Amino acid sequence: MMIPEINPDHAAIIPAQRRRLGCKRGFVAVKPNCSLQSYVPAIDPLMPFGPKDIFVSTYQAISGAGKTFTTCRDDGQRDPVHQGRGAEV
């Protein structure tokens, strides 16, 4: 996986990949999804401090369907971030 801010050295494999595939331009790279792109660059500088646990919550399945957390809940509860204050928050 290539995240240029974290591992730009992975681009060094491109010439070998082109030789192997017999092409002169273009390359195949695995790119992170949108949630990884947002938090991995922020976490990377913390790695020298040896974090033991990192908790991440994403709501991709909800947002990908064009819904918000408050409209998606099926148990009658509001988004805990809003804590019952209404959608105008």
N, C-alpha and C. Protein backbone atom coordinates (compact mmCIF):
# COMPACT_ATOMS: atom_id res chain seq x y z
N MET A 1 0.85 -1.16 0.00
CA MET A 1 0.00 0.00 0.00
C MET A 1 0.89 1.23 0.00
N MET A 2 0.50 2.20 -0.74
CA MET A 2 1.32 3.40 -0.88
C MET A 2 0.59 4.60 -0.30
N ILE A 3 1.19 5.19 0.71
CA ILE A 3 0.71 6.44 1.29
C ILE A 3 1.91 7.39 1.20
N PRO A 4 1.94 8.27 0.20
CA PRO A 4 3.14 9.06 -0.06
C PRO A 4 3.68 9.82 1.16
N GLU A 5 2.82 10.28 2.04
CA GLU A 5 3.29 11.01 3.22
C GLU A 5 4.02 10.09 4.20
N ILE A 6 3.74 8.80 4.13
CA ILE A 6 4.29 7.84 5.09
C ILE A 6 5.42 7.01 4.48
N ASN A 7 5.23 6.49 3.28
CA ASN A 7 6.21 5.59 2.69
C ASN A 7 6.52 5.93 1.23
N PRO A 8 7.03 7.13 0.97
CA PRO A 8 7.32 7.51 -0.41
C PRO A 8 8.35 6.60 -1.08
N ASP A 9 9.16 5.90 -0.28
CA ASP A 9 10.16 4.99 -0.83
C ASP A 9 9.53 3.80 -1.56
N HIS A 10 8.27 3.53 -1.31
CA HIS A 10 7.60 2.43 -2.01
C HIS A 10 7.48 2.69 -3.51
N ALA A 11 7.59 3.96 -3.91
CA ALA A 11 7.53 4.29 -5.34
C ALA A 11 8.74 3.73 -6.09
N ALA A 12 9.80 3.37 -5.36
CA ALA A 12 11.00 2.84 -6.00
C ALA A 12 10.75 1.51 -6.71
N ILE A 13 9.67 0.84 -6.40
CA ILE A 13 9.36 -0.45 -7.03
C ILE A 13 8.77 -0.27 -8.44
N ILE A 14 8.35 0.93 -8.77
CA ILE A 14 7.67 1.17 -10.05
C ILE A 14 8.53 0.75 -11.25
N PRO A 15 9.82 1.11 -11.34
CA PRO A 15 10.61 0.66 -12.51
C PRO A 15 10.66 -0.87 -12.64
N ALA A 16 10.83 -1.57 -11.52
CA ALA A 16 10.86 -3.04 -11.57
C ALA A 16 9.50 -3.59 -12.00
N GLN A 17 8.44 -2.96 -11.54
CA GLN A 17 7.10 -3.42 -11.94
C GLN A 17 6.89 -3.22 -13.44
N ARG A 18 7.33 -2.08 -13.96
CA ARG A 18 7.18 -1.82 -15.39
C ARG A 18 7.97 -2.84 -16.21
N ARG A 19 9.19 -3.16 -15.77
CA ARG A 19 9.98 -4.17 -16.49
C ARG A 19 9.27 -5.53 -16.46
N ARG A 20 8.77 -5.89 -15.29
CA ARG A 20 8.10 -7.18 -15.15
C ARG A 20 6.85 -7.27 -16.02
N LEU A 21 6.10 -6.17 -16.09
CA LEU A 21 4.85 -6.17 -16.87
C LEU A 21 5.06 -5.81 -18.34
N GLY A 22 6.28 -5.36 -18.67
CA GLY A 22 6.58 -5.01 -20.06
C GLY A 22 5.92 -3.73 -20.52
N CYS A 23 5.80 -2.75 -19.64
CA CYS A 23 5.20 -1.48 -20.04
C CYS A 23 6.18 -0.34 -19.76
N LYS A 24 5.96 0.79 -20.43
CA LYS A 24 6.87 1.92 -20.29
C LYS A 24 6.30 3.03 -19.42
N ARG A 25 5.02 3.04 -19.22
CA ARG A 25 4.41 4.08 -18.38
C ARG A 25 3.28 3.47 -17.57
N GLY A 26 2.88 4.19 -16.58
CA GLY A 26 1.83 3.72 -15.68
C GLY A 26 2.37 2.70 -14.69
N PHE A 27 1.57 2.40 -13.70
CA PHE A 27 1.94 1.40 -12.70
C PHE A 27 0.69 1.02 -11.91
N VAL A 28 0.80 -0.07 -11.20
CA VAL A 28 -0.30 -0.55 -10.38
C VAL A 28 0.09 -0.30 -8.93
N ALA A 29 -0.76 0.40 -8.21
CA ALA A 29 -0.49 0.68 -6.79
C ALA A 29 -1.77 0.50 -5.99
N VAL A 30 -1.63 -0.04 -4.81
CA VAL A 30 -2.76 -0.13 -3.89
C VAL A 30 -2.82 1.19 -3.16
N LYS A 31 -3.97 1.82 -3.20
CA LYS A 31 -4.16 3.13 -2.57
C LYS A 31 -5.09 2.96 -1.38
N PRO A 32 -4.81 3.65 -0.28
CA PRO A 32 -5.67 3.52 0.89
C PRO A 32 -7.06 4.11 0.64
N ASN A 33 -8.02 3.62 1.40
CA ASN A 33 -9.35 4.19 1.27
C ASN A 33 -9.41 5.54 1.98
N CYS A 34 -10.52 6.22 1.88
CA CYS A 34 -10.62 7.59 2.39
C CYS A 34 -10.44 7.68 3.90
N SER A 35 -10.84 6.68 4.65
CA SER A 35 -10.67 6.78 6.10
C SER A 35 -9.19 6.68 6.49
N LEU A 36 -8.45 5.78 5.86
CA LEU A 36 -7.02 5.67 6.15
C LEU A 36 -6.28 6.95 5.80
N GLN A 37 -6.63 7.57 4.69
CA GLN A 37 -5.95 8.78 4.26
C GLN A 37 -6.08 9.90 5.28
N SER A 38 -7.13 9.89 6.06
CA SER A 38 -7.33 10.98 7.01
C SER A 38 -6.60 10.77 8.33
N TYR A 39 -6.52 9.54 8.84
CA TYR A 39 -5.92 9.39 10.16
C TYR A 39 -4.51 8.81 10.18
N VAL A 40 -4.09 8.07 9.19
CA VAL A 40 -2.74 7.49 9.21
C VAL A 40 -1.66 8.57 9.21
N PRO A 41 -1.75 9.62 8.37
CA PRO A 41 -0.72 10.66 8.44
C PRO A 41 -0.65 11.35 9.81
N ALA A 42 -1.75 11.41 10.52
CA ALA A 42 -1.74 12.03 11.85
C ALA A 42 -1.14 11.09 12.90
N ILE A 43 -1.31 9.80 12.72
CA ILE A 43 -0.80 8.82 13.68
C ILE A 43 0.68 8.53 13.48
N ASP A 44 1.15 8.57 12.24
CA ASP A 44 2.54 8.20 11.95
C ASP A 44 3.57 8.92 12.82
N PRO A 45 3.48 10.23 13.04
CA PRO A 45 4.48 10.89 13.89
C PRO A 45 4.45 10.42 15.35
N LEU A 46 3.36 9.79 15.77
CA LEU A 46 3.26 9.30 17.15
C LEU A 46 3.93 7.95 17.34
N MET A 47 4.23 7.25 16.26
CA MET A 47 4.76 5.89 16.36
C MET A 47 6.07 5.78 17.16
N PRO A 48 6.99 6.75 17.10
CA PRO A 48 8.20 6.64 17.92
C PRO A 48 7.90 6.60 19.43
N PHE A 49 6.72 7.07 19.83
CA PHE A 49 6.34 7.04 21.24
C PHE A 49 5.74 5.71 21.66
N GLY A 50 5.55 4.80 20.70
CA GLY A 50 5.09 3.45 20.99
C GLY A 50 3.68 3.33 21.52
N PRO A 51 2.70 3.93 20.83
CA PRO A 51 1.32 3.76 21.32
C PRO A 51 0.96 2.27 21.33
N LYS A 52 0.27 1.86 22.38
CA LYS A 52 -0.12 0.45 22.50
C LYS A 52 -1.46 0.18 21.82
N ASP A 53 -2.36 1.11 21.90
CA ASP A 53 -3.68 0.96 21.29
C ASP A 53 -4.06 2.25 20.58
N ILE A 54 -4.69 2.10 19.43
CA ILE A 54 -5.24 3.24 18.69
C ILE A 54 -6.65 2.84 18.30
N PHE A 55 -7.60 3.61 18.73
CA PHE A 55 -9.00 3.32 18.42
C PHE A 55 -9.50 4.30 17.38
N VAL A 56 -10.09 3.78 16.33
CA VAL A 56 -10.60 4.61 15.24
C VAL A 56 -12.02 4.16 14.94
N SER A 57 -12.91 5.10 14.78
CA SER A 57 -14.28 4.79 14.36
C SER A 57 -14.55 5.52 13.06
N THR A 58 -15.03 4.78 12.09
CA THR A 58 -15.45 5.40 10.84
C THR A 58 -16.89 5.00 10.59
N TYR A 59 -17.58 5.83 9.88
CA TYR A 59 -18.97 5.56 9.55
C TYR A 59 -19.12 5.57 8.03
N GLN A 60 -18.15 4.92 7.36
CA GLN A 60 -18.13 4.90 5.91
C GLN A 60 -19.39 4.28 5.32
N ALA A 61 -19.83 3.18 5.87
CA ALA A 61 -21.00 2.51 5.30
C ALA A 61 -22.21 3.42 5.37
N ILE A 62 -22.29 4.22 6.40
CA ILE A 62 -23.41 5.15 6.53
C ILE A 62 -23.26 6.29 5.54
N SER A 63 -22.09 6.94 5.53
CA SER A 63 -21.92 8.10 4.66
C SER A 63 -21.93 7.70 3.19
N GLY A 64 -21.45 6.51 2.89
CA GLY A 64 -21.46 6.05 1.51
C GLY A 64 -22.85 5.87 0.96
N ALA A 65 -23.81 5.70 1.84
CA ALA A 65 -25.20 5.55 1.41
C ALA A 65 -25.92 6.90 1.37
N GLY A 66 -25.18 7.99 1.64
CA GLY A 66 -25.79 9.32 1.61
C GLY A 66 -26.61 9.63 2.85
N LYS A 67 -26.39 8.90 3.92
CA LYS A 67 -27.14 9.13 5.15
C LYS A 67 -26.22 9.71 6.21
N THR A 68 -26.80 10.32 7.20
CA THR A 68 -26.04 10.80 8.35
C THR A 68 -26.30 9.86 9.51
N PHE A 69 -25.48 9.92 10.52
CA PHE A 69 -25.64 9.04 11.67
C PHE A 69 -27.01 9.25 12.33
N THR A 70 -27.48 10.51 12.39
CA THR A 70 -28.76 10.77 13.04
C THR A 70 -29.94 10.22 12.23
N THR A 71 -29.80 10.18 10.91
CA THR A 71 -30.92 9.65 10.11
C THR A 71 -30.82 8.14 9.94
N CYS A 72 -29.68 7.56 10.24
CA CYS A 72 -29.48 6.14 10.00
C CYS A 72 -29.85 5.27 11.20
N ARG A 73 -29.80 5.80 12.40
CA ARG A 73 -30.05 5.00 13.58
C ARG A 73 -31.45 4.40 13.52
N ASP A 74 -31.56 3.14 13.82
CA ASP A 74 -32.88 2.49 13.77
C ASP A 74 -33.43 2.18 15.15
N ASP A 75 -32.72 2.62 16.20
CA ASP A 75 -33.18 2.33 17.56
C ASP A 75 -33.79 3.54 18.26
N GLY A 76 -34.04 4.62 17.50
CA GLY A 76 -34.68 5.80 18.08
C GLY A 76 -33.71 6.70 18.84
N GLN A 77 -32.46 6.34 18.92
CA GLN A 77 -31.46 7.14 19.64
C GLN A 77 -30.88 8.20 18.72
N ARG A 78 -30.45 9.30 19.32
CA ARG A 78 -29.77 10.34 18.55
C ARG A 78 -28.28 10.07 18.53
N ASP A 79 -27.61 10.71 17.62
CA ASP A 79 -26.16 10.66 17.54
C ASP A 79 -25.58 11.08 18.89
N PRO A 80 -24.70 10.25 19.50
CA PRO A 80 -24.16 10.60 20.81
C PRO A 80 -23.34 11.88 20.80
N VAL A 81 -22.83 12.30 19.67
CA VAL A 81 -22.09 13.55 19.61
C VAL A 81 -23.03 14.73 19.89
N HIS A 82 -24.24 14.64 19.35
CA HIS A 82 -25.20 15.71 19.55
C HIS A 82 -25.89 15.62 20.91
N GLN A 83 -25.87 14.46 21.51
CA GLN A 83 -26.43 14.23 22.85
C GLN A 83 -27.84 14.82 23.00
N GLY A 84 -28.67 14.56 22.01
CA GLY A 84 -30.07 14.96 22.10
C GLY A 84 -30.33 16.44 21.87
N ARG A 85 -29.33 17.21 21.37
CA ARG A 85 -29.50 18.64 21.19
C ARG A 85 -30.16 19.03 19.88
N GLY A 86 -30.42 18.07 19.03
CA GLY A 86 -31.10 18.38 17.77
C GLY A 86 -30.12 18.51 16.61
N ALA A 87 -30.67 18.45 15.42
CA ALA A 87 -29.85 18.41 14.22
C ALA A 87 -29.18 19.73 13.90
N GLU A 88 -29.63 20.83 14.49
CA GLU A 88 -29.05 22.13 14.16
C GLU A 88 -27.65 22.32 14.73
N VAL A 89 -27.22 21.41 15.59
CA VAL A 89 -25.89 21.53 16.22
C VAL A 89 -24.82 21.26 15.20
